[in-house]
Amino acid sequence: MKILAGKISKELKKAVHCAVYETELARVWPRDGKTREAKIALFAKENGWRLRFYKDGLCAIFDREPLG
């Protein structure tokens, strides 16, 4: 998870959002149905981001948590 967090953090320093595709997501969160999206959203929140978009089997898109 630390490696993935580092990759997302690095990307968000130079871009507005960061897409993480299924192959990378599956390494950390195996496809298990309904709880997977919640786990990914919690990971984002714990790192100061938000999960903007999630499509099971495709990707998750993260961006920075807005201020205020």
PDB file of N, CA and C in Angstrom:
ATOM      1  N   MET A   1       0.817  -1.188   0.000  1.00  0.00           N
ATOM      2  CA  MET A   1       0.000   0.000   0.000  1.00  0.00           C
ATOM      3  C   MET A   1       0.864   1.256   0.000  1.00  0.00           C
ATOM      4  N   LYS A   2       2.011   1.184   0.654  1.00  0.00           N
ATOM      5  CA  LYS A   2       2.905   2.342   0.692  1.00  0.00           C
ATOM      6  C   LYS A   2       3.419   2.690  -0.697  1.00  0.00           C
ATOM      7  N   ILE A   3       3.695   1.677  -1.501  1.00  0.00           N
ATOM      8  CA  ILE A   3       4.187   1.924  -2.854  1.00  0.00           C
ATOM      9  C   ILE A   3       3.105   2.613  -3.686  1.00  0.00           C
ATOM     10  N   LEU A   4       1.894   2.110  -3.588  1.00  0.00           N
ATOM     11  CA  LEU A   4       0.782   2.713  -4.325  1.00  0.00           C
ATOM     12  C   LEU A   4       0.537   4.141  -3.852  1.00  0.00           C
ATOM     13  N   ALA A   5       0.565   4.367  -2.553  1.00  0.00           N
ATOM     14  CA  ALA A   5       0.365   5.717  -2.014  1.00  0.00           C
ATOM     15  C   ALA A   5       1.449   6.661  -2.525  1.00  0.00           C
ATOM     16  N   GLY A   6       2.680   6.184  -2.586  1.00  0.00           N
ATOM     17  CA  GLY A   6       3.773   7.005  -3.100  1.00  0.00           C
ATOM     18  C   GLY A   6       3.574   7.360  -4.560  1.00  0.00           C
ATOM     19  N   LYS A   7       3.116   6.404  -5.342  1.00  0.00           N
ATOM     20  CA  LYS A   7       2.873   6.644  -6.764  1.00  0.00           C
ATOM     21  C   LYS A   7       1.774   7.688  -6.952  1.00  0.00           C
ATOM     22  N   ILE A   8       0.680   7.540  -6.204  1.00  0.00           N
ATOM     23  CA  ILE A   8      -0.427   8.491  -6.319  1.00  0.00           C
ATOM     24  C   ILE A   8       0.017   9.879  -5.875  1.00  0.00           C
ATOM     25  N   SER A   9       0.714   9.950  -4.754  1.00  0.00           N
ATOM     26  CA  SER A   9       1.191  11.223  -4.241  1.00  0.00           C
ATOM     27  C   SER A   9       2.088  11.933  -5.255  1.00  0.00           C
ATOM     28  N   LYS A  10       2.984  11.193  -5.855  1.00  0.00           N
ATOM     29  CA  LYS A  10       3.893  11.756  -6.858  1.00  0.00           C
ATOM     30  C   LYS A  10       3.114  12.291  -8.053  1.00  0.00           C
ATOM     31  N   GLU A  11       2.137  11.539  -8.512  1.00  0.00           N
ATOM     32  CA  GLU A  11       1.336  11.957  -9.665  1.00  0.00           C
ATOM     33  C   GLU A  11       0.510  13.201  -9.339  1.00  0.00           C
ATOM     34  N   LEU A  12      -0.044  13.270  -8.126  1.00  0.00           N
ATOM     35  CA  LEU A  12      -0.877  14.414  -7.756  1.00  0.00           C
ATOM     36  C   LEU A  12      -0.084  15.695  -7.541  1.00  0.00           C
ATOM     37  N   LYS A  13       1.231  15.582  -7.448  1.00  0.00           N
ATOM     38  CA  LYS A  13       2.060  16.789  -7.361  1.00  0.00           C
ATOM     39  C   LYS A  13       2.149  17.503  -8.703  1.00  0.00           C
ATOM     40  N   LYS A  14       1.946  16.758  -9.789  1.00  0.00           N
ATOM     41  CA  LYS A  14       2.066  17.366 -11.117  1.00  0.00           C
ATOM     42  C   LYS A  14       0.779  17.313 -11.936  1.00  0.00           C
ATOM     43  N   ALA A  15      -0.253  16.656 -11.424  1.00  0.00           N
ATOM     44  CA  ALA A  15      -1.504  16.522 -12.169  1.00  0.00           C
ATOM     45  C   ALA A  15      -2.698  16.753 -11.248  1.00  0.00           C
ATOM     46  N   VAL A  16      -3.852  16.950 -11.837  1.00  0.00           N
ATOM     47  CA  VAL A  16      -5.078  17.206 -11.090  1.00  0.00           C
ATOM     48  C   VAL A  16      -5.656  15.919 -10.511  1.00  0.00           C
ATOM     49  N   HIS A  17      -5.464  14.813 -11.226  1.00  0.00           N
ATOM     50  CA  HIS A  17      -5.970  13.537 -10.753  1.00  0.00           C
ATOM     51  C   HIS A  17      -5.002  12.418 -11.120  1.00  0.00           C
ATOM     52  N   CYS A  18      -5.246  11.247 -10.530  1.00  0.00           N
ATOM     53  CA  CYS A  18      -4.407  10.081 -10.784  1.00  0.00           C
ATOM     54  C   CYS A  18      -5.307   8.864 -10.960  1.00  0.00           C
ATOM     55  N   ALA A  19      -5.174   8.198 -12.095  1.00  0.00           N
ATOM     56  CA  ALA A  19      -5.941   6.981 -12.352  1.00  0.00           C
ATOM     57  C   ALA A  19      -5.089   5.765 -11.989  1.00  0.00           C
ATOM     58  N   VAL A  20      -5.693   4.843 -11.278  1.00  0.00           N
ATOM     59  CA  VAL A  20      -5.035   3.583 -10.924  1.00  0.00           C
ATOM     60  C   VAL A  20      -5.903   2.479 -11.515  1.00  0.00           C
ATOM     61  N   TYR A  21      -5.292   1.661 -12.365  1.00  0.00           N
ATOM     62  CA  TYR A  21      -6.049   0.651 -13.100  1.00  0.00           C
ATOM     63  C   TYR A  21      -6.106  -0.682 -12.363  1.00  0.00           C
ATOM     64  N   GLU A  22      -6.997  -1.537 -12.832  1.00  0.00           N
ATOM     65  CA  GLU A  22      -7.332  -2.792 -12.154  1.00  0.00           C
ATOM     66  C   GLU A  22      -6.120  -3.634 -11.782  1.00  0.00           C
ATOM     67  N   THR A  23      -5.134  -3.726 -12.640  1.00  0.00           N
ATOM     68  CA  THR A  23      -3.976  -4.571 -12.328  1.00  0.00           C
ATOM     69  C   THR A  23      -3.276  -4.112 -11.048  1.00  0.00           C
ATOM     70  N   GLU A  24      -3.183  -2.797 -10.857  1.00  0.00           N
ATOM     71  CA  GLU A  24      -2.566  -2.272  -9.633  1.00  0.00           C
ATOM     72  C   GLU A  24      -3.507  -2.371  -8.438  1.00  0.00           C
ATOM     73  N   LEU A  25      -4.786  -2.106  -8.660  1.00  0.00           N
ATOM     74  CA  LEU A  25      -5.758  -2.200  -7.565  1.00  0.00           C
ATOM     75  C   LEU A  25      -5.826  -3.614  -7.009  1.00  0.00           C
ATOM     76  N   ALA A  26      -5.799  -4.600  -7.883  1.00  0.00           N
ATOM     77  CA  ALA A  26      -5.941  -6.001  -7.474  1.00  0.00           C
ATOM     78  C   ALA A  26      -4.781  -6.466  -6.595  1.00  0.00           C
ATOM     79  N   ARG A  27      -3.638  -5.843  -6.712  1.00  0.00           N
ATOM     80  CA  ARG A  27      -2.498  -6.203  -5.861  1.00  0.00           C
ATOM     81  C   ARG A  27      -2.750  -5.859  -4.398  1.00  0.00           C
ATOM     82  N   VAL A  28      -3.516  -4.803  -4.179  1.00  0.00           N
ATOM     83  CA  VAL A  28      -3.766  -4.333  -2.816  1.00  0.00           C
ATOM     84  C   VAL A  28      -5.151  -4.747  -2.320  1.00  0.00           C
ATOM     85  N   TRP A  29      -6.149  -4.647  -3.202  1.00  0.00           N
ATOM     86  CA  TRP A  29      -7.523  -4.970  -2.834  1.00  0.00           C
ATOM     87  C   TRP A  29      -8.085  -5.985  -3.825  1.00  0.00           C
ATOM     88  N   PRO A  30      -8.059  -7.243  -3.482  1.00  0.00           N
ATOM     89  CA  PRO A  30      -8.655  -8.243  -4.379  1.00  0.00           C
ATOM     90  C   PRO A  30     -10.141  -7.931  -4.602  1.00  0.00           C
ATOM     91  N   ARG A  31     -10.637  -8.275  -5.758  1.00  0.00           N
ATOM     92  CA  ARG A  31     -12.048  -8.022  -6.075  1.00  0.00           C
ATOM     93  C   ARG A  31     -12.924  -8.875  -5.168  1.00  0.00           C
ATOM     94  N   ASP A  32     -13.691  -8.215  -4.324  1.00  0.00           N
ATOM     95  CA  ASP A  32     -14.555  -8.924  -3.376  1.00  0.00           C
ATOM     96  C   ASP A  32     -15.960  -8.353  -3.319  1.00  0.00           C
ATOM     97  N   GLY A  33     -16.286  -7.537  -4.286  1.00  0.00           N
ATOM     98  CA  GLY A  33     -17.640  -7.002  -4.323  1.00  0.00           C
ATOM     99  C   GLY A  33     -17.794  -5.649  -3.676  1.00  0.00           C
ATOM    100  N   LYS A  34     -18.798  -5.514  -2.841  1.00  0.00           N
ATOM    101  CA  LYS A  34     -19.236  -4.217  -2.326  1.00  0.00           C
ATOM    102  C   LYS A  34     -18.234  -3.525  -1.411  1.00  0.00           C
ATOM    103  N   THR A  35     -17.478  -4.259  -0.622  1.00  0.00           N
ATOM    104  CA  THR A  35     -16.603  -3.607   0.359  1.00  0.00           C
ATOM    105  C   THR A  35     -15.338  -3.032  -0.253  1.00  0.00           C
ATOM    106  N   ARG A  36     -15.001  -3.442  -1.443  1.00  0.00           N
ATOM    107  CA  ARG A  36     -13.761  -2.984  -2.069  1.00  0.00           C
ATOM    108  C   ARG A  36     -13.756  -1.474  -2.281  1.00  0.00           C
ATOM    109  N   GLU A  37     -14.819  -0.936  -2.823  1.00  0.00           N
ATOM    110  CA  GLU A  37     -14.887   0.502  -3.064  1.00  0.00           C
ATOM    111  C   GLU A  37     -14.751   1.282  -1.753  1.00  0.00           C
ATOM    112  N   ALA A  38     -15.376   0.821  -0.694  1.00  0.00           N
ATOM    113  CA  ALA A  38     -15.275   1.487   0.608  1.00  0.00           C
ATOM    114  C   ALA A  38     -13.850   1.454   1.138  1.00  0.00           C
ATOM    115  N   LYS A  39     -13.163   0.346   0.945  1.00  0.00           N
ATOM    116  CA  LYS A  39     -11.768   0.236   1.395  1.00  0.00           C
ATOM    117  C   LYS A  39     -10.870   1.192   0.619  1.00  0.00           C
ATOM    118  N   ILE A  40     -11.099   1.313  -0.675  1.00  0.00           N
ATOM    119  CA  ILE A  40     -10.311   2.223  -1.504  1.00  0.00           C
ATOM    120  C   ILE A  40     -10.601   3.669  -1.113  1.00  0.00           C
ATOM    121  N   ALA A  41     -11.854   3.993  -0.860  1.00  0.00           N
ATOM    122  CA  ALA A  41     -12.218   5.345  -0.427  1.00  0.00           C
ATOM    123  C   ALA A  41     -11.582   5.686   0.915  1.00  0.00           C
ATOM    124  N   LEU A  42     -11.535   4.726   1.826  1.00  0.00           N
ATOM    125  CA  LEU A  42     -10.896   4.950   3.125  1.00  0.00           C
ATOM    126  C   LEU A  42      -9.397   5.178   2.954  1.00  0.00           C
ATOM    127  N   PHE A  43      -8.755   4.397   2.101  1.00  0.00           N
ATOM    128  CA  PHE A  43      -7.329   4.577   1.782  1.00  0.00           C
ATOM    129  C   PHE A  43      -7.090   6.002   1.277  1.00  0.00           C
ATOM    130  N   ALA A  44      -7.956   6.471   0.386  1.00  0.00           N
ATOM    131  CA  ALA A  44      -7.812   7.829  -0.151  1.00  0.00           C
ATOM    132  C   ALA A  44      -7.933   8.858   0.964  1.00  0.00           C
ATOM    133  N   LYS A  45      -8.953   8.732   1.789  1.00  0.00           N
ATOM    134  CA  LYS A  45      -9.184   9.689   2.873  1.00  0.00           C
ATOM    135  C   LYS A  45      -8.011   9.719   3.856  1.00  0.00           C
ATOM    136  N   GLU A  46      -7.476   8.557   4.185  1.00  0.00           N
ATOM    137  CA  GLU A  46      -6.344   8.479   5.108  1.00  0.00           C
ATOM    138  C   GLU A  46      -5.096   9.163   4.560  1.00  0.00           C
ATOM    139  N   ASN A  47      -5.026   9.321   3.249  1.00  0.00           N
ATOM    140  CA  ASN A  47      -3.869   9.954   2.623  1.00  0.00           C
ATOM    141  C   ASN A  47      -4.138  11.388   2.177  1.00  0.00           C
ATOM    142  N   GLY A  48      -5.319  11.930   2.538  1.00  0.00           N
ATOM    143  CA  GLY A  48      -5.634  13.316   2.206  1.00  0.00           C
ATOM    144  C   GLY A  48      -6.158  13.510   0.797  1.00  0.00           C
ATOM    145  N   TRP A  49      -6.626  12.436   0.169  1.00  0.00           N
ATOM    146  CA  TRP A  49      -7.196  12.514  -1.170  1.00  0.00           C
ATOM    147  C   TRP A  49      -8.658  12.145  -1.094  1.00  0.00           C
ATOM    148  N   ARG A  50      -9.280  12.076  -2.249  1.00  0.00           N
ATOM    149  CA  ARG A  50     -10.628  11.516  -2.308  1.00  0.00           C
ATOM    150  C   ARG A  50     -10.732  10.614  -3.534  1.00  0.00           C
ATOM    151  N   LEU A  51     -11.595   9.681  -3.439  1.00  0.00           N
ATOM    152  CA  LEU A  51     -11.875   8.780  -4.539  1.00  0.00           C
ATOM    153  C   LEU A  51     -12.928   9.455  -5.401  1.00  0.00           C
ATOM    154  N   ARG A  52     -12.543   9.951  -6.561  1.00  0.00           N
ATOM    155  CA  ARG A  52     -13.463  10.679  -7.432  1.00  0.00           C
ATOM    156  C   ARG A  52     -14.316   9.757  -8.280  1.00  0.00           C
ATOM    157  N   PHE A  53     -13.745   8.612  -8.684  1.00  0.00           N
ATOM    158  CA  PHE A  53     -14.457   7.700  -9.562  1.00  0.00           C
ATOM    159  C   PHE A  53     -13.956   6.293  -9.310  1.00  0.00           C
ATOM    160  N   TYR A  54     -14.871   5.344  -9.309  1.00  0.00           N
ATOM    161  CA  TYR A  54     -14.493   3.941  -9.180  1.00  0.00           C
ATOM    162  C   TYR A  54     -15.395   3.096 -10.056  1.00  0.00           C
ATOM    163  N   LYS A  55     -14.811   2.255 -10.861  1.00  0.00           N
ATOM    164  CA  LYS A  55     -15.550   1.298 -11.678  1.00  0.00           C
ATOM    165  C   LYS A  55     -14.901  -0.060 -11.465  1.00  0.00           C
ATOM    166  N   ASP A  56     -15.628  -0.959 -10.837  1.00  0.00           N
ATOM    167  CA  ASP A  56     -15.102  -2.281 -10.527  1.00  0.00           C
ATOM    168  C   ASP A  56     -14.596  -2.969 -11.799  1.00  0.00           C
ATOM    169  N   GLY A  57     -13.360  -3.438 -11.725  1.00  0.00           N
ATOM    170  CA  GLY A  57     -12.753  -4.117 -12.859  1.00  0.00           C
ATOM    171  C   GLY A  57     -12.057  -3.191 -13.832  1.00  0.00           C
ATOM    172  N   LEU A  58     -12.161  -1.883 -13.628  1.00  0.00           N
ATOM    173  CA  LEU A  58     -11.555  -0.923 -14.554  1.00  0.00           C
ATOM    174  C   LEU A  58     -10.503  -0.046 -13.878  1.00  0.00           C
ATOM    175  N   CYS A  59     -10.947   0.888 -13.029  1.00  0.00           N
ATOM    176  CA  CYS A  59      -9.983   1.798 -12.414  1.00  0.00           C
ATOM    177  C   CYS A  59     -10.602   2.560 -11.247  1.00  0.00           C
ATOM    178  N   ALA A  60      -9.713   3.263 -10.546  1.00  0.00           N
ATOM    179  CA  ALA A  60     -10.099   4.213  -9.505  1.00  0.00           C
ATOM    180  C   ALA A  60      -9.372   5.505  -9.827  1.00  0.00           C
ATOM    181  N   ILE A  61     -10.054   6.621  -9.680  1.00  0.00           N
ATOM    182  CA  ILE A  61      -9.438   7.913  -9.944  1.00  0.00           C
ATOM    183  C   ILE A  61      -9.436   8.707  -8.645  1.00  0.00           C
ATOM    184  N   PHE A  62      -8.256   9.181  -8.290  1.00  0.00           N
ATOM    185  CA  PHE A  62      -8.053   9.945  -7.061  1.00  0.00           C
ATOM    186  C   PHE A  62      -7.731  11.386  -7.404  1.00  0.00           C
ATOM    187  N   ASP A  63      -8.119  12.296  -6.507  1.00  0.00           N
ATOM    188  CA  ASP A  63      -7.667  13.687  -6.593  1.00  0.00           C
ATOM    189  C   ASP A  63      -7.465  14.202  -5.176  1.00  0.00           C
ATOM    190  N   ARG A  64      -6.987  15.434  -5.091  1.00  0.00           N
ATOM    191  CA  ARG A  64      -6.752  16.014  -3.769  1.00  0.00           C
ATOM    192  C   ARG A  64      -8.079  16.374  -3.110  1.00  0.00           C
ATOM    193  N   GLU A  65      -8.126  16.197  -1.806  1.00  0.00           N
ATOM    194  CA  GLU A  65      -9.311  16.600  -1.033  1.00  0.00           C
ATOM    195  C   GLU A  65      -9.393  18.119  -1.087  1.00  0.00           C
ATOM    196  N   PRO A  66     -10.528  18.688  -1.496  1.00  0.00           N
ATOM    197  CA  PRO A  66     -10.633  20.155  -1.572  1.00  0.00           C
ATOM    198  C   PRO A  66     -10.547  20.797  -0.191  1.00  0.00           C
ATOM    199  N   LEU A  67      -9.940  21.960  -0.162  1.00  0.00           N
ATOM    200  CA  LEU A  67      -9.853  22.714   1.098  1.00  0.00           C
ATOM    201  C   LEU A  67     -11.155  23.432   1.349  1.00  0.00           C
ATOM    202  N   GLY A  68     -11.524  23.489   2.629  1.00  0.00           N
ATOM    203  CA  GLY A  68     -12.705  24.257   3.015  1.00  0.00           C
ATOM    204  C   GLY A  68     -13.912  23.522   2.940  1.00  0.00           C
TER     205      GLY A  68
END
